[in-house]
PDB file of N, CA and C in Angstrom:
ATOM      1  N   MET A   1       0.863  -1.176   0.000  1.00  0.00           N
ATOM      2  CA  MET A   1       0.000   0.000   0.000  1.00  0.00           C
ATOM      3  C   MET A   1       0.906   1.235   0.000  1.00  0.00           C
ATOM      4  N   ASP A   2       0.622   2.148  -0.866  1.00  0.00           N
ATOM      5  CA  ASP A   2       1.430   3.366  -0.889  1.00  0.00           C
ATOM      6  C   ASP A   2       0.808   4.432   0.009  1.00  0.00           C
ATOM      7  N   ARG A   3       1.509   5.517   0.152  1.00  0.00           N
ATOM      8  CA  ARG A   3       1.064   6.579   1.062  1.00  0.00           C
ATOM      9  C   ARG A   3      -0.261   7.194   0.618  1.00  0.00           C
ATOM     10  N   ARG A   4      -0.455   7.342  -0.668  1.00  0.00           N
ATOM     11  CA  ARG A   4      -1.696   7.946  -1.158  1.00  0.00           C
ATOM     12  C   ARG A   4      -2.912   7.078  -0.807  1.00  0.00           C
ATOM     13  N   ALA A   5      -2.788   5.783  -0.977  1.00  0.00           N
ATOM     14  CA  ALA A   5      -3.897   4.883  -0.660  1.00  0.00           C
ATOM     15  C   ALA A   5      -4.158   4.876   0.843  1.00  0.00           C
ATOM     16  N   ALA A   6      -3.094   4.884   1.643  1.00  0.00           N
ATOM     17  CA  ALA A   6      -3.257   4.910   3.101  1.00  0.00           C
ATOM     18  C   ALA A   6      -3.919   6.205   3.536  1.00  0.00           C
ATOM     19  N   LEU A   7      -3.473   7.328   2.972  1.00  0.00           N
ATOM     20  CA  LEU A   7      -4.050   8.620   3.318  1.00  0.00           C
ATOM     21  C   LEU A   7      -5.518   8.689   2.888  1.00  0.00           C
ATOM     22  N   ALA A   8      -5.838   8.162   1.722  1.00  0.00           N
ATOM     23  CA  ALA A   8      -7.221   8.149   1.254  1.00  0.00           C
ATOM     24  C   ALA A   8      -8.091   7.291   2.172  1.00  0.00           C
ATOM     25  N   SER A   9      -7.573   6.169   2.642  1.00  0.00           N
ATOM     26  CA  SER A   9      -8.331   5.317   3.566  1.00  0.00           C
ATOM     27  C   SER A   9      -8.585   6.021   4.883  1.00  0.00           C
ATOM     28  N   ILE A  10      -7.566   6.683   5.413  1.00  0.00           N
ATOM     29  CA  ILE A  10      -7.713   7.399   6.695  1.00  0.00           C
ATOM     30  C   ILE A  10      -8.721   8.527   6.557  1.00  0.00           C
ATOM     31  N   VAL A  11      -8.617   9.289   5.471  1.00  0.00           N
ATOM     32  CA  VAL A  11      -9.563  10.386   5.253  1.00  0.00           C
ATOM     33  C   VAL A  11     -10.982   9.838   5.084  1.00  0.00           C
ATOM     34  N   GLY A  12     -11.114   8.706   4.410  1.00  0.00           N
ATOM     35  CA  GLY A  12     -12.430   8.101   4.243  1.00  0.00           C
ATOM     36  C   GLY A  12     -13.050   7.689   5.563  1.00  0.00           C
ATOM     37  N   VAL A  13     -12.265   7.093   6.437  1.00  0.00           N
ATOM     38  CA  VAL A  13     -12.767   6.663   7.744  1.00  0.00           C
ATOM     39  C   VAL A  13     -13.130   7.867   8.599  1.00  0.00           C
ATOM     40  N   LEU A  14     -12.243   8.851   8.643  1.00  0.00           N
ATOM     41  CA  LEU A  14     -12.525  10.042   9.450  1.00  0.00           C
ATOM     42  C   LEU A  14     -13.719  10.820   8.878  1.00  0.00           C
ATOM     43  N   GLY A  15     -13.815  10.897   7.571  1.00  0.00           N
ATOM     44  CA  GLY A  15     -14.932  11.597   6.955  1.00  0.00           C
ATOM     45  C   GLY A  15     -16.260  10.927   7.269  1.00  0.00           C
ATOM     46  N   ALA A  16     -16.266   9.598   7.257  1.00  0.00           N
ATOM     47  CA  ALA A  16     -17.497   8.872   7.582  1.00  0.00           C
ATOM     48  C   ALA A  16     -17.887   9.101   9.033  1.00  0.00           C
ATOM     49  N   ASN A  17     -16.902   9.156   9.920  1.00  0.00           N
ATOM     50  CA  ASN A  17     -17.197   9.395  11.336  1.00  0.00           C
ATOM     51  C   ASN A  17     -17.726  10.792  11.591  1.00  0.00           C
ATOM     52  N   ILE A  18     -17.367  11.721  10.753  1.00  0.00           N
ATOM     53  CA  ILE A  18     -17.870  13.086  10.907  1.00  0.00           C
ATOM     54  C   ILE A  18     -19.208  13.238  10.182  1.00  0.00           C
ATOM     55  N   PHE A  19     -19.335  12.625   9.006  1.00  0.00           N
ATOM     56  CA  PHE A  19     -20.526  12.801   8.188  1.00  0.00           C
ATOM     57  C   PHE A  19     -21.767  12.135   8.782  1.00  0.00           C
ATOM     58  N   ALA A  20     -21.626  10.944   9.357  1.00  0.00           N
ATOM     59  CA  ALA A  20     -22.787  10.197   9.851  1.00  0.00           C
ATOM     60  C   ALA A  20     -23.573  10.970  10.915  1.00  0.00           C
ATOM     61  N   PRO A  21     -22.920  11.514  11.963  1.00  0.00           N
ATOM     62  CA  PRO A  21     -23.708  12.275  12.946  1.00  0.00           C
ATOM     63  C   PRO A  21     -24.336  13.540  12.353  1.00  0.00           C
ATOM     64  N   LEU A  22     -23.633  14.183  11.425  1.00  0.00           N
ATOM     65  CA  LEU A  22     -24.206  15.374  10.802  1.00  0.00           C
ATOM     66  C   LEU A  22     -25.437  15.019   9.969  1.00  0.00           C
ATOM     67  N   ALA A  23     -25.365  13.924   9.245  1.00  0.00           N
ATOM     68  CA  ALA A  23     -26.515  13.497   8.447  1.00  0.00           C
ATOM     69  C   ALA A  23     -27.691  13.133   9.349  1.00  0.00           C
ATOM     70  N   ARG A  24     -27.408  12.483  10.480  1.00  0.00           N
ATOM     71  CA  ARG A  24     -28.477  12.144  11.422  1.00  0.00           C
ATOM     72  C   ARG A  24     -29.101  13.405  12.010  1.00  0.00           C
ATOM     73  N   ALA A  25     -28.269  14.415  12.321  1.00  0.00           N
ATOM     74  CA  ALA A  25     -28.780  15.659  12.903  1.00  0.00           C
ATOM     75  C   ALA A  25     -29.653  16.412  11.901  1.00  0.00           C
ATOM     76  N   ILE A  26     -29.266  16.379  10.637  1.00  0.00           N
ATOM     77  CA  ILE A  26     -30.051  17.074   9.613  1.00  0.00           C
ATOM     78  C   ILE A  26     -31.390  16.374   9.398  1.00  0.00           C
ATOM     79  N   ALA A  27     -31.389  15.048   9.434  1.00  0.00           N
ATOM     80  CA  ALA A  27     -32.607  14.276   9.178  1.00  0.00           C
ATOM     81  C   ALA A  27     -33.459  14.086  10.428  1.00  0.00           C
ATOM     82  N   TYR A  28     -33.069  14.678  11.564  1.00  0.00           N
ATOM     83  CA  TYR A  28     -33.775  14.473  12.831  1.00  0.00           C
ATOM     84  C   TYR A  28     -35.215  14.964  12.739  1.00  0.00           C
ATOM     85  N   GLN A  29     -36.125  14.125  13.164  1.00  0.00           N
ATOM     86  CA  GLN A  29     -37.530  14.482  13.278  1.00  0.00           C
ATOM     87  C   GLN A  29     -37.926  14.311  14.743  1.00  0.00           C
ATOM     88  N   PRO A  30     -38.506  15.320  15.365  1.00  0.00           N
ATOM     89  CA  PRO A  30     -38.899  15.161  16.761  1.00  0.00           C
ATOM     90  C   PRO A  30     -39.950  14.059  16.918  1.00  0.00           C
ATOM     91  N   ASN A  31     -39.996  13.502  18.088  1.00  0.00           N
ATOM     92  CA  ASN A  31     -40.952  12.426  18.359  1.00  0.00           C
ATOM     93  C   ASN A  31     -42.380  12.934  18.216  1.00  0.00           C
ATOM     94  N   PRO A  32     -43.273  12.093  17.724  1.00  0.00           N
ATOM     95  CA  PRO A  32     -44.669  12.517  17.604  1.00  0.00           C
ATOM     96  C   PRO A  32     -45.289  12.699  18.990  1.00  0.00           C
ATOM     97  N   VAL A  33     -46.331  13.479  19.041  1.00  0.00           N
ATOM     98  CA  VAL A  33     -47.024  13.716  20.306  1.00  0.00           C
ATOM     99  C   VAL A  33     -47.724  12.433  20.727  1.00  0.00           C
ATOM    100  N   ILE A  34     -47.514  12.058  21.987  1.00  0.00           N
ATOM    101  CA  ILE A  34     -48.126  10.849  22.533  1.00  0.00           C
ATOM    102  C   ILE A  34     -49.439  11.227  23.196  1.00  0.00           C
ATOM    103  N   ASN A  35     -50.453  10.411  22.997  1.00  0.00           N
ATOM    104  CA  ASN A  35     -51.742  10.656  23.616  1.00  0.00           C
ATOM    105  C   ASN A  35     -51.592  10.545  25.126  1.00  0.00           C
ATOM    106  N   THR A  36     -51.811  11.648  25.828  1.00  0.00           N
ATOM    107  CA  THR A  36     -51.680  11.659  27.281  1.00  0.00           C
ATOM    108  C   THR A  36     -53.039  11.739  27.952  1.00  0.00           C
ATOM    109  N   GLY A  37     -54.055  11.278  27.260  1.00  0.00           N
ATOM    110  CA  GLY A  37     -55.402  11.310  27.817  1.00  0.00           C
ATOM    111  C   GLY A  37     -55.551  10.358  28.993  1.00  0.00           C
ATOM    112  N   ALA A  38     -56.709  10.368  29.567  1.00  0.00           N
ATOM    113  CA  ALA A  38     -56.989   9.492  30.699  1.00  0.00           C
ATOM    114  C   ALA A  38     -56.888   8.028  30.259  1.00  0.00           C
ATOM    115  N   PRO A  39     -56.473   7.123  31.152  1.00  0.00           N
ATOM    116  CA  PRO A  39     -56.338   5.718  30.782  1.00  0.00           C
ATOM    117  C   PRO A  39     -57.632   5.106  30.261  1.00  0.00           C
ATOM    118  N   GLU A  40     -58.769   5.585  30.709  1.00  0.00           N
ATOM    119  CA  GLU A  40     -60.032   5.037  30.235  1.00  0.00           C
ATOM    120  C   GLU A  40     -60.218   5.312  28.742  1.00  0.00           C
ATOM    121  N   ILE A  41     -59.630   6.392  28.252  1.00  0.00           N
ATOM    122  CA  ILE A  41     -59.750   6.740  26.843  1.00  0.00           C
ATOM    123  C   ILE A  41     -58.741   5.952  26.015  1.00  0.00           C
ATOM    124  N   ILE A  42     -57.553   5.744  26.573  1.00  0.00           N
ATOM    125  CA  ILE A  42     -56.495   5.045  25.848  1.00  0.00           C
ATOM    126  C   ILE A  42     -56.815   3.560  25.732  1.00  0.00           C
ATOM    127  N   PHE A  43     -57.259   2.938  26.824  1.00  0.00           N
ATOM    128  CA  PHE A  43     -57.527   1.500  26.839  1.00  0.00           C
ATOM    129  C   PHE A  43     -59.027   1.233  26.819  1.00  0.00           C
ATOM    130  N   THR A  44     -59.396   0.180  26.141  1.00  0.00           N
ATOM    131  CA  THR A  44     -60.776  -0.281  26.228  1.00  0.00           C
ATOM    132  C   THR A  44     -60.931  -0.960  27.588  1.00  0.00           C
ATOM    133  N   PRO A  45     -62.153  -1.195  28.056  1.00  0.00           N
ATOM    134  CA  PRO A  45     -62.310  -1.862  29.351  1.00  0.00           C
ATOM    135  C   PRO A  45     -61.623  -3.231  29.405  1.00  0.00           C
ATOM    136  N   ALA A  46     -61.661  -3.986  28.326  1.00  0.00           N
ATOM    137  CA  ALA A  46     -60.995  -5.295  28.320  1.00  0.00           C
ATOM    138  C   ALA A  46     -59.477  -5.148  28.402  1.00  0.00           C
ATOM    139  N   GLN A  47     -58.932  -4.158  27.695  1.00  0.00           N
ATOM    140  CA  GLN A  47     -57.488  -3.929  27.756  1.00  0.00           C
ATOM    141  C   GLN A  47     -57.079  -3.443  29.145  1.00  0.00           C
ATOM    142  N   ARG A  48     -57.902  -2.589  29.744  1.00  0.00           N
ATOM    143  CA  ARG A  48     -57.600  -2.090  31.091  1.00  0.00           C
ATOM    144  C   ARG A  48     -57.598  -3.240  32.093  1.00  0.00           C
ATOM    145  N   ALA A  49     -58.547  -4.179  31.974  1.00  0.00           N
ATOM    146  CA  ALA A  49     -58.574  -5.339  32.869  1.00  0.00           C
ATOM    147  C   ALA A  49     -57.330  -6.198  32.677  1.00  0.00           C
ATOM    148  N   LEU A  50     -56.877  -6.349  31.427  1.00  0.00           N
ATOM    149  CA  LEU A  50     -55.660  -7.116  31.156  1.00  0.00           C
ATOM    150  C   LEU A  50     -54.439  -6.441  31.756  1.00  0.00           C
ATOM    151  N   VAL A  51     -54.311  -5.129  31.593  1.00  0.00           N
ATOM    152  CA  VAL A  51     -53.178  -4.399  32.170  1.00  0.00           C
ATOM    153  C   VAL A  51     -53.205  -4.499  33.688  1.00  0.00           C
ATOM    154  N   THR A  52     -54.367  -4.411  34.279  1.00  0.00           N
ATOM    155  CA  THR A  52     -54.492  -4.538  35.730  1.00  0.00           C
ATOM    156  C   THR A  52     -54.045  -5.921  36.193  1.00  0.00           C
ATOM    157  N   ALA A  53     -54.491  -6.968  35.517  1.00  0.00           N
ATOM    158  CA  ALA A  53     -54.104  -8.331  35.890  1.00  0.00           C
ATOM    159  C   ALA A  53     -52.611  -8.553  35.713  1.00  0.00           C
ATOM    160  N   LEU A  54     -52.044  -8.060  34.609  1.00  0.00           N
ATOM    161  CA  LEU A  54     -50.605  -8.220  34.384  1.00  0.00           C
ATOM    162  C   LEU A  54     -49.789  -7.434  35.402  1.00  0.00           C
ATOM    163  N   SER A  55     -50.241  -6.232  35.739  1.00  0.00           N
ATOM    164  CA  SER A  55     -49.531  -5.420  36.734  1.00  0.00           C
ATOM    165  C   SER A  55     -49.503  -6.119  38.082  1.00  0.00           C
ATOM    166  N   GLU A  56     -50.632  -6.684  38.476  1.00  0.00           N
ATOM    167  CA  GLU A  56     -50.690  -7.390  39.760  1.00  0.00           C
ATOM    168  C   GLU A  56     -49.827  -8.653  39.723  1.00  0.00           C
ATOM    169  N   ARG A  57     -49.741  -9.272  38.563  1.00  0.00           N
ATOM    170  CA  ARG A  57     -48.900 -10.474  38.417  1.00  0.00           C
ATOM    171  C   ARG A  57     -47.418 -10.127  38.549  1.00  0.00           C
ATOM    172  N   ILE A  58     -47.025  -8.966  38.000  1.00  0.00           N
ATOM    173  CA  ILE A  58     -45.626  -8.528  38.067  1.00  0.00           C
ATOM    174  C   ILE A  58     -45.282  -8.019  39.457  1.00  0.00           C
ATOM    175  N   LEU A  59     -46.175  -7.231  40.056  1.00  0.00           N
ATOM    176  CA  LEU A  59     -45.946  -6.673  41.393  1.00  0.00           C
ATOM    177  C   LEU A  59     -47.040  -7.164  42.337  1.00  0.00           C
ATOM    178  N   PRO A  60     -46.931  -8.398  42.825  1.00  0.00           N
ATOM    179  CA  PRO A  60     -47.992  -8.930  43.684  1.00  0.00           C
ATOM    180  C   PRO A  60     -47.960  -8.311  45.081  1.00  0.00           C
ATOM    181  N   THR A  61     -49.069  -8.444  45.773  1.00  0.00           N
ATOM    182  CA  THR A  61     -49.149  -7.977  47.151  1.00  0.00           C
ATOM    183  C   THR A  61     -48.368  -8.934  48.045  1.00  0.00           C
ATOM    184  N   SER A  62     -47.478  -8.386  48.838  1.00  0.00           N
ATOM    185  CA  SER A  62     -46.712  -9.177  49.808  1.00  0.00           C
ATOM    186  C   SER A  62     -46.668  -8.359  51.087  1.00  0.00           C
ATOM    187  N   ASP A  63     -45.498  -8.140  51.638  1.00  0.00           N
ATOM    188  CA  ASP A  63     -45.380  -7.264  52.814  1.00  0.00           C
ATOM    189  C   ASP A  63     -45.705  -5.827  52.443  1.00  0.00           C
ATOM    190  N   THR A  64     -45.560  -5.527  51.188  1.00  0.00           N
ATOM    191  CA  THR A  64     -45.853  -4.179  50.687  1.00  0.00           C
ATOM    192  C   THR A  64     -47.053  -4.264  49.754  1.00  0.00           C
ATOM    193  N   PRO A  65     -47.704  -3.130  49.471  1.00  0.00           N
ATOM    194  CA  PRO A  65     -48.853  -3.161  48.575  1.00  0.00           C
ATOM    195  C   PRO A  65     -48.482  -3.632  47.181  1.00  0.00           C
ATOM    196  N   GLY A  66     -49.412  -4.272  46.521  1.00  0.00           N
ATOM    197  CA  GLY A  66     -49.187  -4.718  45.152  1.00  0.00           C
ATOM    198  C   GLY A  66     -49.478  -3.611  44.163  1.00  0.00           C
ATOM    199  N   ALA A  67     -49.501  -3.968  42.913  1.00  0.00           N
ATOM    200  CA  ALA A  67     -49.686  -2.975  41.851  1.00  0.00           C
ATOM    201  C   ALA A  67     -51.053  -2.306  41.931  1.00  0.00           C
ATOM    202  N   ILE A  68     -52.088  -3.090  42.197  1.00  0.00           N
ATOM    203  CA  ILE A  68     -53.439  -2.508  42.251  1.00  0.00           C
ATOM    204  C   ILE A  68     -53.561  -1.546  43.420  1.00  0.00           C
ATOM    205  N   ALA A  69     -53.033  -1.926  44.582  1.00  0.00           N
ATOM    206  CA  ALA A  69     -53.101  -1.055  45.760  1.00  0.00           C
ATOM    207  C   ALA A  69     -52.263   0.200  45.566  1.00  0.00           C
ATOM    208  N   ALA A  70     -51.186   0.093  44.792  1.00  0.00           N
ATOM    209  CA  ALA A  70     -50.328   1.253  44.545  1.00  0.00           C
ATOM    210  C   ALA A  70     -50.878   2.139  43.445  1.00  0.00           C
ATOM    211  N   GLY A  71     -51.922   1.700  42.755  1.00  0.00           N
ATOM    212  CA  GLY A  71     -52.544   2.503  41.710  1.00  0.00           C
ATOM    213  C   GLY A  71     -51.795   2.453  40.396  1.00  0.00           C
ATOM    214  N   VAL A  72     -51.014   1.398  40.169  1.00  0.00           N
ATOM    215  CA  VAL A  72     -50.240   1.277  38.933  1.00  0.00           C
ATOM    216  C   VAL A  72     -51.134   1.213  37.701  1.00  0.00           C
ATOM    217  N   PRO A  73     -52.143   0.342  37.672  1.00  0.00           N
ATOM    218  CA  PRO A  73     -52.947   0.272  36.441  1.00  0.00           C
ATOM    219  C   PRO A  73     -53.734   1.532  36.232  1.00  0.00           C
TER     220      PRO A  73
END
């Protein structure tokens, strides 16, 4: 490998490391607005019952309150 090829390779690697973040910054789109409405609006009653059951399964009542008592769902 001669010096020109080595220099071209180094410049290519450094250029890619500089170009990629700049391209990402230019193409950045902010996150869409998330629906922050009341849970009754976001979930149907069946989905809310499922989330409640899963929450209690993950954080069951023991010496401390469980998910339902803590108001997680």
